[in-house]
């Protein structure tokens, strides 16, 4: 999964991207226990998602390139009232793709976050065509509008 993440996002060579270090995992857990989800069939994770609930202001700043992905996380404080969700990443091992695993994990995490927060929108920075299409399906299924950061 780490190799797949590096291939897709090249986070190790981009200091402005979230790399999900132990410190960042702790922060994400404080923001919401539903930020990180994985699907494991017993031999290790085959799918992994990262969603970050944030505020509309953080969302707008990110979409308009005012802040980086790392700054998005830095400006998302535990205990705040969140009203947007950043669809940060969804990784599925190739042999398990197109089975709805990432969709289910993501929708479950969104619904969990909605129990505590009035979520009004989703946003994404698509890296692949598959990720872009998945974000569109997630928005449709969740009934939430989707904003996209364009490069």
N, C-alpha and C. Protein backbone atom coordinates (compact mmCIF):
# COMPACT_ATOMS: atom_id res chain seq x y z
N UNK A 1 0.83 -1.20 0.00
CA UNK A 1 0.00 0.00 0.00
C UNK A 1 0.87 1.26 0.00
N UNK A 2 1.98 1.21 0.73
CA UNK A 2 2.87 2.38 0.76
C UNK A 2 3.45 2.63 -0.63
N UNK A 3 3.86 1.55 -1.31
CA UNK A 3 4.40 1.68 -2.66
C UNK A 3 3.34 2.26 -3.60
N UNK A 4 2.10 1.78 -3.49
CA UNK A 4 1.02 2.28 -4.32
C UNK A 4 0.77 3.76 -4.04
N UNK A 5 0.77 4.15 -2.77
CA UNK A 5 0.57 5.56 -2.42
C UNK A 5 1.66 6.43 -3.03
N UNK A 6 2.89 5.96 -2.96
CA UNK A 6 4.00 6.73 -3.51
C UNK A 6 3.91 6.83 -5.03
N UNK A 7 3.49 5.75 -5.69
CA UNK A 7 3.35 5.76 -7.14
C UNK A 7 2.27 6.75 -7.58
N UNK A 8 1.15 6.77 -6.88
CA UNK A 8 0.02 7.60 -7.29
C UNK A 8 0.25 9.06 -6.92
N UNK A 9 0.68 9.31 -5.68
CA UNK A 9 0.72 10.69 -5.19
C UNK A 9 2.10 11.31 -5.14
N UNK A 10 3.16 10.54 -5.19
CA UNK A 10 4.53 11.04 -5.09
C UNK A 10 4.71 11.96 -3.88
N UNK A 11 4.05 11.59 -2.77
CA UNK A 11 4.06 12.44 -1.59
C UNK A 11 5.45 12.59 -0.98
N UNK A 12 6.33 11.63 -1.22
CA UNK A 12 7.67 11.71 -0.63
C UNK A 12 8.49 12.84 -1.26
N UNK A 13 8.16 13.24 -2.48
CA UNK A 13 8.93 14.28 -3.16
C UNK A 13 8.20 15.62 -3.17
N UNK A 14 7.03 15.71 -2.57
CA UNK A 14 6.25 16.94 -2.54
C UNK A 14 5.98 17.33 -1.09
N UNK A 15 6.74 18.29 -0.56
CA UNK A 15 6.57 18.66 0.85
C UNK A 15 5.23 19.33 1.16
N UNK A 16 4.48 19.72 0.14
CA UNK A 16 3.18 20.35 0.37
C UNK A 16 2.05 19.34 0.51
N UNK A 17 2.33 18.05 0.29
CA UNK A 17 1.31 17.01 0.43
C UNK A 17 1.38 16.38 1.81
N UNK A 18 0.25 15.86 2.25
CA UNK A 18 0.18 15.12 3.49
C UNK A 18 0.86 13.77 3.25
N UNK A 19 1.70 13.35 4.19
CA UNK A 19 2.39 12.06 4.04
C UNK A 19 1.92 11.03 5.06
N UNK A 20 1.06 11.39 5.95
CA UNK A 20 0.47 10.53 6.99
C UNK A 20 1.56 9.87 7.84
N UNK A 21 2.32 10.73 8.49
CA UNK A 21 3.30 10.28 9.48
C UNK A 21 2.56 9.89 10.75
N UNK A 22 3.28 9.35 11.71
CA UNK A 22 2.67 8.98 12.99
C UNK A 22 2.04 10.22 13.65
N UNK A 23 2.74 11.35 13.59
CA UNK A 23 2.21 12.59 14.16
C UNK A 23 0.91 13.01 13.45
N UNK A 24 0.90 12.91 12.12
CA UNK A 24 -0.30 13.26 11.36
C UNK A 24 -1.44 12.28 11.64
N UNK A 25 -1.12 11.00 11.83
CA UNK A 25 -2.16 10.02 12.19
C UNK A 25 -2.83 10.39 13.51
N UNK A 26 -2.02 10.80 14.48
CA UNK A 26 -2.56 11.21 15.77
C UNK A 26 -3.48 12.42 15.62
N UNK A 27 -3.06 13.39 14.82
CA UNK A 27 -3.88 14.58 14.58
C UNK A 27 -5.17 14.20 13.87
N UNK A 28 -5.08 13.34 12.87
CA UNK A 28 -6.28 12.91 12.13
C UNK A 28 -7.26 12.19 13.05
N UNK A 29 -6.75 11.36 13.94
CA UNK A 29 -7.60 10.64 14.90
C UNK A 29 -8.31 11.62 15.82
N UNK A 30 -7.64 12.70 16.21
CA UNK A 30 -8.26 13.73 17.05
C UNK A 30 -9.34 14.50 16.29
N UNK A 31 -9.11 14.71 15.01
CA UNK A 31 -10.10 15.42 14.19
C UNK A 31 -11.36 14.57 14.07
N UNK A 32 -11.19 13.30 13.73
CA UNK A 32 -12.32 12.36 13.64
C UNK A 32 -11.77 10.95 13.53
N UNK A 33 -12.31 10.02 14.32
CA UNK A 33 -11.87 8.63 14.19
C UNK A 33 -12.17 8.04 12.80
N UNK A 34 -13.05 8.68 12.04
CA UNK A 34 -13.43 8.17 10.71
C UNK A 34 -12.53 8.70 9.59
N UNK A 35 -11.47 9.44 9.93
CA UNK A 35 -10.61 9.98 8.86
C UNK A 35 -9.89 8.89 8.09
N UNK A 36 -9.38 7.89 8.79
CA UNK A 36 -8.65 6.80 8.16
C UNK A 36 -9.46 5.51 8.25
N UNK A 37 -9.64 4.86 7.11
CA UNK A 37 -10.36 3.58 7.08
C UNK A 37 -9.60 2.64 6.17
N UNK A 38 -9.67 1.36 6.50
CA UNK A 38 -9.05 0.36 5.64
C UNK A 38 -9.93 -0.87 5.57
N UNK A 39 -9.73 -1.63 4.50
CA UNK A 39 -10.39 -2.93 4.33
C UNK A 39 -9.30 -3.97 4.34
N UNK A 40 -9.43 -4.94 5.22
CA UNK A 40 -8.40 -5.95 5.43
C UNK A 40 -9.05 -7.32 5.39
N UNK A 41 -8.54 -8.19 4.54
CA UNK A 41 -9.07 -9.55 4.46
C UNK A 41 -8.23 -10.53 5.28
N UNK A 42 -7.35 -10.03 6.14
CA UNK A 42 -6.57 -10.89 7.00
C UNK A 42 -5.09 -10.90 6.71
N UNK A 43 -4.69 -10.58 5.50
CA UNK A 43 -3.27 -10.57 5.13
C UNK A 43 -2.74 -9.16 4.98
N UNK A 44 -3.40 -8.20 5.59
CA UNK A 44 -3.00 -6.80 5.45
C UNK A 44 -4.05 -6.05 4.65
N UNK A 45 -3.98 -4.72 4.70
CA UNK A 45 -4.99 -3.92 4.02
C UNK A 45 -4.93 -4.06 2.50
N UNK A 46 -6.12 -4.14 1.90
CA UNK A 46 -6.20 -4.15 0.43
C UNK A 46 -6.78 -2.84 -0.09
N UNK A 47 -7.36 -2.06 0.84
CA UNK A 47 -7.90 -0.75 0.48
C UNK A 47 -7.73 0.17 1.68
N UNK A 48 -7.50 1.44 1.37
CA UNK A 48 -7.25 2.43 2.41
C UNK A 48 -7.80 3.76 1.93
N UNK A 49 -8.52 4.47 2.79
CA UNK A 49 -9.03 5.80 2.43
C UNK A 49 -8.66 6.81 3.50
N UNK A 50 -8.55 8.06 3.08
CA UNK A 50 -8.29 9.17 3.99
C UNK A 50 -9.24 10.30 3.63
N UNK A 51 -10.09 10.67 4.58
CA UNK A 51 -11.00 11.80 4.44
C UNK A 51 -10.73 12.76 5.59
N UNK A 52 -10.79 14.05 5.32
CA UNK A 52 -10.54 15.02 6.37
C UNK A 52 -11.71 16.00 6.43
N UNK A 53 -12.45 16.00 7.55
CA UNK A 53 -13.50 17.01 7.70
C UNK A 53 -12.83 18.35 8.00
N UNK A 54 -13.29 19.39 7.34
CA UNK A 54 -12.71 20.73 7.52
C UNK A 54 -13.85 21.76 7.52
N UNK A 55 -13.46 23.00 7.47
CA UNK A 55 -14.43 24.09 7.37
C UNK A 55 -14.56 24.53 5.91
N UNK A 56 -15.62 25.25 5.63
CA UNK A 56 -15.81 25.79 4.28
C UNK A 56 -14.67 26.74 3.91
N UNK A 57 -14.18 27.52 4.88
CA UNK A 57 -13.09 28.44 4.59
C UNK A 57 -11.83 27.68 4.16
N UNK A 58 -11.49 26.63 4.89
CA UNK A 58 -10.32 25.82 4.51
C UNK A 58 -10.53 25.22 3.12
N UNK A 59 -11.74 24.73 2.87
CA UNK A 59 -12.06 24.17 1.56
C UNK A 59 -11.84 25.21 0.46
N UNK A 60 -12.39 26.39 0.63
CA UNK A 60 -12.26 27.43 -0.39
C UNK A 60 -10.80 27.83 -0.60
N UNK A 61 -10.05 27.96 0.50
CA UNK A 61 -8.63 28.31 0.38
C UNK A 61 -7.85 27.24 -0.37
N UNK A 62 -8.20 25.98 -0.15
CA UNK A 62 -7.51 24.89 -0.82
C UNK A 62 -7.88 24.83 -2.30
N UNK A 63 -9.15 24.93 -2.60
CA UNK A 63 -9.62 24.86 -3.99
C UNK A 63 -9.01 25.98 -4.83
N UNK A 64 -8.83 27.16 -4.23
CA UNK A 64 -8.30 28.31 -4.96
C UNK A 64 -6.77 28.41 -4.88
N UNK A 65 -6.11 27.36 -4.37
CA UNK A 65 -4.65 27.31 -4.28
C UNK A 65 -4.06 28.33 -3.32
N UNK A 66 -4.85 28.83 -2.39
CA UNK A 66 -4.35 29.77 -1.39
C UNK A 66 -3.53 29.02 -0.35
N UNK A 67 -3.91 27.77 -0.06
CA UNK A 67 -3.16 26.94 0.88
C UNK A 67 -2.84 25.59 0.22
N UNK A 68 -1.82 24.94 0.75
CA UNK A 68 -1.41 23.62 0.27
C UNK A 68 -2.19 22.54 1.03
N UNK A 69 -2.00 21.31 0.61
CA UNK A 69 -2.64 20.20 1.30
C UNK A 69 -2.12 20.09 2.74
N UNK A 70 -0.84 20.26 2.92
CA UNK A 70 -0.27 20.23 4.28
C UNK A 70 -0.86 21.34 5.14
N UNK A 71 -1.01 22.54 4.57
CA UNK A 71 -1.61 23.65 5.32
C UNK A 71 -3.07 23.37 5.62
N UNK A 72 -3.76 22.67 4.73
CA UNK A 72 -5.15 22.27 4.97
C UNK A 72 -5.22 21.49 6.28
N UNK A 73 -4.33 20.53 6.44
CA UNK A 73 -4.32 19.73 7.67
C UNK A 73 -3.93 20.59 8.87
N UNK A 74 -2.94 21.44 8.70
CA UNK A 74 -2.50 22.31 9.81
C UNK A 74 -3.61 23.24 10.28
N UNK A 75 -4.47 23.68 9.36
CA UNK A 75 -5.54 24.62 9.70
C UNK A 75 -6.83 23.93 10.13
N UNK A 76 -6.85 22.60 10.14
CA UNK A 76 -8.01 21.85 10.58
C UNK A 76 -7.78 21.43 12.01
N UNK A 77 -8.42 22.14 12.92
CA UNK A 77 -8.18 21.94 14.34
C UNK A 77 -9.18 20.97 14.95
N UNK A 78 -8.69 20.06 15.79
CA UNK A 78 -9.60 19.14 16.49
C UNK A 78 -10.64 19.92 17.30
N UNK A 79 -11.87 19.42 17.28
CA UNK A 79 -12.94 20.04 18.06
C UNK A 79 -13.69 21.15 17.35
N UNK A 80 -13.27 21.51 16.15
CA UNK A 80 -13.96 22.58 15.40
C UNK A 80 -15.29 22.06 14.86
N UNK A 81 -16.10 22.97 14.37
CA UNK A 81 -17.34 22.59 13.68
C UNK A 81 -17.00 22.48 12.21
N UNK A 82 -17.04 21.27 11.71
CA UNK A 82 -16.69 21.02 10.32
C UNK A 82 -17.95 20.99 9.47
N UNK A 83 -17.84 21.53 8.24
CA UNK A 83 -18.99 21.51 7.34
C UNK A 83 -18.62 21.10 5.92
N UNK A 84 -17.39 20.62 5.74
CA UNK A 84 -16.93 20.13 4.44
C UNK A 84 -16.03 18.92 4.68
N UNK A 85 -15.90 18.07 3.68
CA UNK A 85 -15.01 16.92 3.79
C UNK A 85 -14.10 16.88 2.57
N UNK A 86 -12.81 16.82 2.85
CA UNK A 86 -11.80 16.67 1.81
C UNK A 86 -11.62 15.18 1.52
N UNK A 87 -11.92 14.78 0.30
CA UNK A 87 -11.69 13.41 -0.14
C UNK A 87 -10.22 13.32 -0.52
N UNK A 88 -9.39 13.04 0.45
CA UNK A 88 -7.94 13.14 0.29
C UNK A 88 -7.37 12.01 -0.55
N UNK A 89 -7.64 10.77 -0.18
CA UNK A 89 -7.09 9.67 -0.96
C UNK A 89 -7.88 8.39 -0.77
N UNK A 90 -7.84 7.60 -1.81
CA UNK A 90 -8.43 6.26 -1.80
C UNK A 90 -7.48 5.37 -2.58
N UNK A 91 -6.98 4.36 -1.91
CA UNK A 91 -6.05 3.43 -2.54
C UNK A 91 -6.60 2.03 -2.43
N UNK A 92 -6.61 1.32 -3.55
CA UNK A 92 -7.07 -0.06 -3.58
C UNK A 92 -6.07 -0.85 -4.42
N UNK A 93 -5.61 -1.97 -3.88
CA UNK A 93 -4.71 -2.81 -4.67
C UNK A 93 -5.38 -3.20 -5.98
N UNK A 94 -4.61 -3.23 -7.03
CA UNK A 94 -5.14 -3.39 -8.39
C UNK A 94 -6.10 -4.57 -8.54
N UNK A 95 -5.77 -5.70 -7.96
CA UNK A 95 -6.60 -6.89 -8.12
C UNK A 95 -7.95 -6.80 -7.39
N UNK A 96 -8.14 -5.76 -6.58
CA UNK A 96 -9.41 -5.59 -5.85
C UNK A 96 -10.21 -4.38 -6.35
N UNK A 97 -9.73 -3.73 -7.39
CA UNK A 97 -10.42 -2.54 -7.89
C UNK A 97 -11.71 -2.90 -8.60
N UNK A 98 -12.60 -1.91 -8.72
CA UNK A 98 -13.88 -2.03 -9.42
C UNK A 98 -14.84 -3.00 -8.72
N UNK A 99 -14.71 -3.10 -7.40
CA UNK A 99 -15.60 -3.95 -6.62
C UNK A 99 -16.41 -3.14 -5.61
N UNK A 100 -16.25 -1.81 -5.63
CA UNK A 100 -17.02 -0.94 -4.74
C UNK A 100 -16.44 -0.80 -3.34
N UNK A 101 -15.23 -1.30 -3.12
CA UNK A 101 -14.65 -1.26 -1.78
C UNK A 101 -14.37 0.18 -1.35
N UNK A 102 -13.70 0.95 -2.19
CA UNK A 102 -13.38 2.35 -1.83
C UNK A 102 -14.65 3.17 -1.68
N UNK A 103 -15.63 2.93 -2.53
CA UNK A 103 -16.90 3.65 -2.44
C UNK A 103 -17.57 3.38 -1.10
N UNK A 104 -17.65 2.11 -0.71
CA UNK A 104 -18.30 1.76 0.55
C UNK A 104 -17.55 2.34 1.74
N UNK A 105 -16.22 2.19 1.77
CA UNK A 105 -15.43 2.75 2.86
C UNK A 105 -15.64 4.25 2.99
N UNK A 106 -15.64 4.93 1.85
CA UNK A 106 -15.77 6.38 1.85
C UNK A 106 -17.16 6.82 2.31
N UNK A 107 -18.19 6.21 1.76
CA UNK A 107 -19.55 6.57 2.18
C UNK A 107 -19.78 6.29 3.66
N UNK A 108 -19.27 5.16 4.15
CA UNK A 108 -19.40 4.86 5.58
C UNK A 108 -18.72 5.93 6.43
N UNK A 109 -17.54 6.38 6.01
CA UNK A 109 -16.82 7.42 6.75
C UNK A 109 -17.58 8.75 6.70
N UNK A 110 -18.12 9.10 5.54
CA UNK A 110 -18.90 10.34 5.42
C UNK A 110 -20.10 10.29 6.35
N UNK A 111 -20.85 9.18 6.33
CA UNK A 111 -22.03 9.07 7.17
C UNK A 111 -21.67 9.13 8.65
N UNK A 112 -20.53 8.56 9.03
CA UNK A 112 -20.07 8.64 10.42
C UNK A 112 -19.78 10.09 10.79
N UNK A 113 -19.10 10.83 9.92
CA UNK A 113 -18.78 12.23 10.18
C UNK A 113 -20.05 13.08 10.26
N UNK A 114 -21.03 12.73 9.44
CA UNK A 114 -22.29 13.50 9.43
C UNK A 114 -23.07 13.35 10.73
N UNK A 115 -22.80 12.34 11.51
CA UNK A 115 -23.48 12.18 12.79
C UNK A 115 -23.11 13.31 13.76
N UNK A 116 -21.89 13.84 13.61
CA UNK A 116 -21.40 14.89 14.51
C UNK A 116 -21.28 16.27 13.88
N UNK A 117 -21.38 16.32 12.55
CA UNK A 117 -21.15 17.59 11.85
C UNK A 117 -22.15 17.77 10.71
N UNK A 118 -22.53 19.02 10.49
CA UNK A 118 -23.44 19.34 9.40
C UNK A 118 -22.63 19.56 8.12
N UNK A 119 -22.37 18.47 7.43
CA UNK A 119 -21.53 18.51 6.23
C UNK A 119 -22.36 19.03 5.06
N UNK A 120 -21.82 20.07 4.39
CA UNK A 120 -22.53 20.72 3.28
C UNK A 120 -21.90 20.46 1.92
N UNK A 121 -20.62 20.02 1.92
CA UNK A 121 -19.93 19.84 0.63
C UNK A 121 -18.76 18.88 0.77
N UNK A 122 -18.37 18.33 -0.37
CA UNK A 122 -17.17 17.51 -0.50
C UNK A 122 -16.22 18.23 -1.43
N UNK A 123 -14.93 17.96 -1.28
CA UNK A 123 -13.97 18.50 -2.25
C UNK A 123 -12.82 17.52 -2.45
N UNK A 124 -12.18 17.66 -3.59
CA UNK A 124 -11.17 16.69 -4.00
C UNK A 124 -10.10 17.37 -4.84
N UNK A 125 -8.92 16.79 -4.83
CA UNK A 125 -7.82 17.17 -5.72
C UNK A 125 -7.48 15.89 -6.48
N UNK A 126 -8.14 15.65 -7.60
CA UNK A 126 -7.98 14.37 -8.29
C UNK A 126 -6.59 14.22 -8.92
N UNK A 127 -5.99 13.04 -8.70
CA UNK A 127 -4.68 12.72 -9.26
C UNK A 127 -4.80 11.76 -10.43
N UNK A 128 -5.90 10.99 -10.48
CA UNK A 128 -6.08 10.00 -11.54
C UNK A 128 -7.50 10.11 -12.08
N UNK A 129 -7.72 9.60 -13.27
CA UNK A 129 -9.07 9.56 -13.82
C UNK A 129 -9.99 8.71 -12.94
N UNK A 130 -9.46 7.60 -12.43
CA UNK A 130 -10.25 6.74 -11.56
C UNK A 130 -10.65 7.45 -10.28
N UNK A 131 -9.74 8.20 -9.71
CA UNK A 131 -10.05 8.96 -8.50
C UNK A 131 -11.07 10.05 -8.76
N UNK A 132 -10.95 10.69 -9.91
CA UNK A 132 -11.90 11.74 -10.31
C UNK A 132 -13.30 11.15 -10.47
N UNK A 133 -13.40 10.00 -11.13
CA UNK A 133 -14.70 9.35 -11.33
C UNK A 133 -15.27 8.86 -10.01
N UNK A 134 -14.42 8.31 -9.14
CA UNK A 134 -14.88 7.85 -7.83
C UNK A 134 -15.44 9.02 -7.04
N UNK A 135 -14.78 10.16 -7.06
CA UNK A 135 -15.28 11.34 -6.34
C UNK A 135 -16.65 11.75 -6.85
N UNK A 136 -16.85 11.69 -8.16
CA UNK A 136 -18.16 12.03 -8.72
C UNK A 136 -19.24 11.07 -8.23
N UNK A 137 -18.94 9.78 -8.18
CA UNK A 137 -19.91 8.79 -7.71
C UNK A 137 -20.20 9.01 -6.22
N UNK A 138 -19.17 9.28 -5.45
CA UNK A 138 -19.35 9.54 -4.01
C UNK A 138 -20.27 10.74 -3.80
N UNK A 139 -20.06 11.79 -4.56
CA UNK A 139 -20.91 12.99 -4.44
C UNK A 139 -22.35 12.65 -4.79
N UNK A 140 -22.55 11.93 -5.86
CA UNK A 140 -23.90 11.55 -6.28
C UNK A 140 -24.58 10.70 -5.22
N UNK A 141 -23.88 9.67 -4.74
CA UNK A 141 -24.47 8.75 -3.75
C UNK A 141 -24.72 9.42 -2.41
N UNK A 142 -23.86 10.36 -2.03
CA UNK A 142 -24.02 11.04 -0.74
C UNK A 142 -25.00 12.21 -0.81
N UNK A 143 -25.28 12.67 -2.04
CA UNK A 143 -26.17 13.82 -2.21
C UNK A 143 -25.51 15.15 -1.86
N UNK A 144 -24.18 15.16 -1.83
CA UNK A 144 -23.45 16.39 -1.48
C UNK A 144 -22.78 16.98 -2.71
N UNK A 145 -22.74 18.30 -2.82
CA UNK A 145 -22.02 18.91 -3.95
C UNK A 145 -20.52 18.64 -3.83
N UNK A 146 -19.85 18.58 -4.99
CA UNK A 146 -18.43 18.29 -5.04
C UNK A 146 -17.70 19.43 -5.73
N UNK A 147 -16.68 19.95 -5.06
CA UNK A 147 -15.80 20.95 -5.67
C UNK A 147 -14.47 20.28 -5.95
N UNK A 148 -13.80 20.73 -7.04
CA UNK A 148 -12.54 20.11 -7.43
C UNK A 148 -11.45 21.16 -7.55
N UNK A 149 -10.29 20.80 -7.01
CA UNK A 149 -9.09 21.64 -7.17
C UNK A 149 -8.47 21.26 -8.50
N UNK A 150 -8.27 22.23 -9.33
CA UNK A 150 -7.67 22.00 -10.65
C UNK A 150 -6.23 22.48 -10.63
N UNK A 151 -5.38 21.79 -11.35
CA UNK A 151 -3.97 22.22 -11.46
C UNK A 151 -3.78 23.06 -12.69
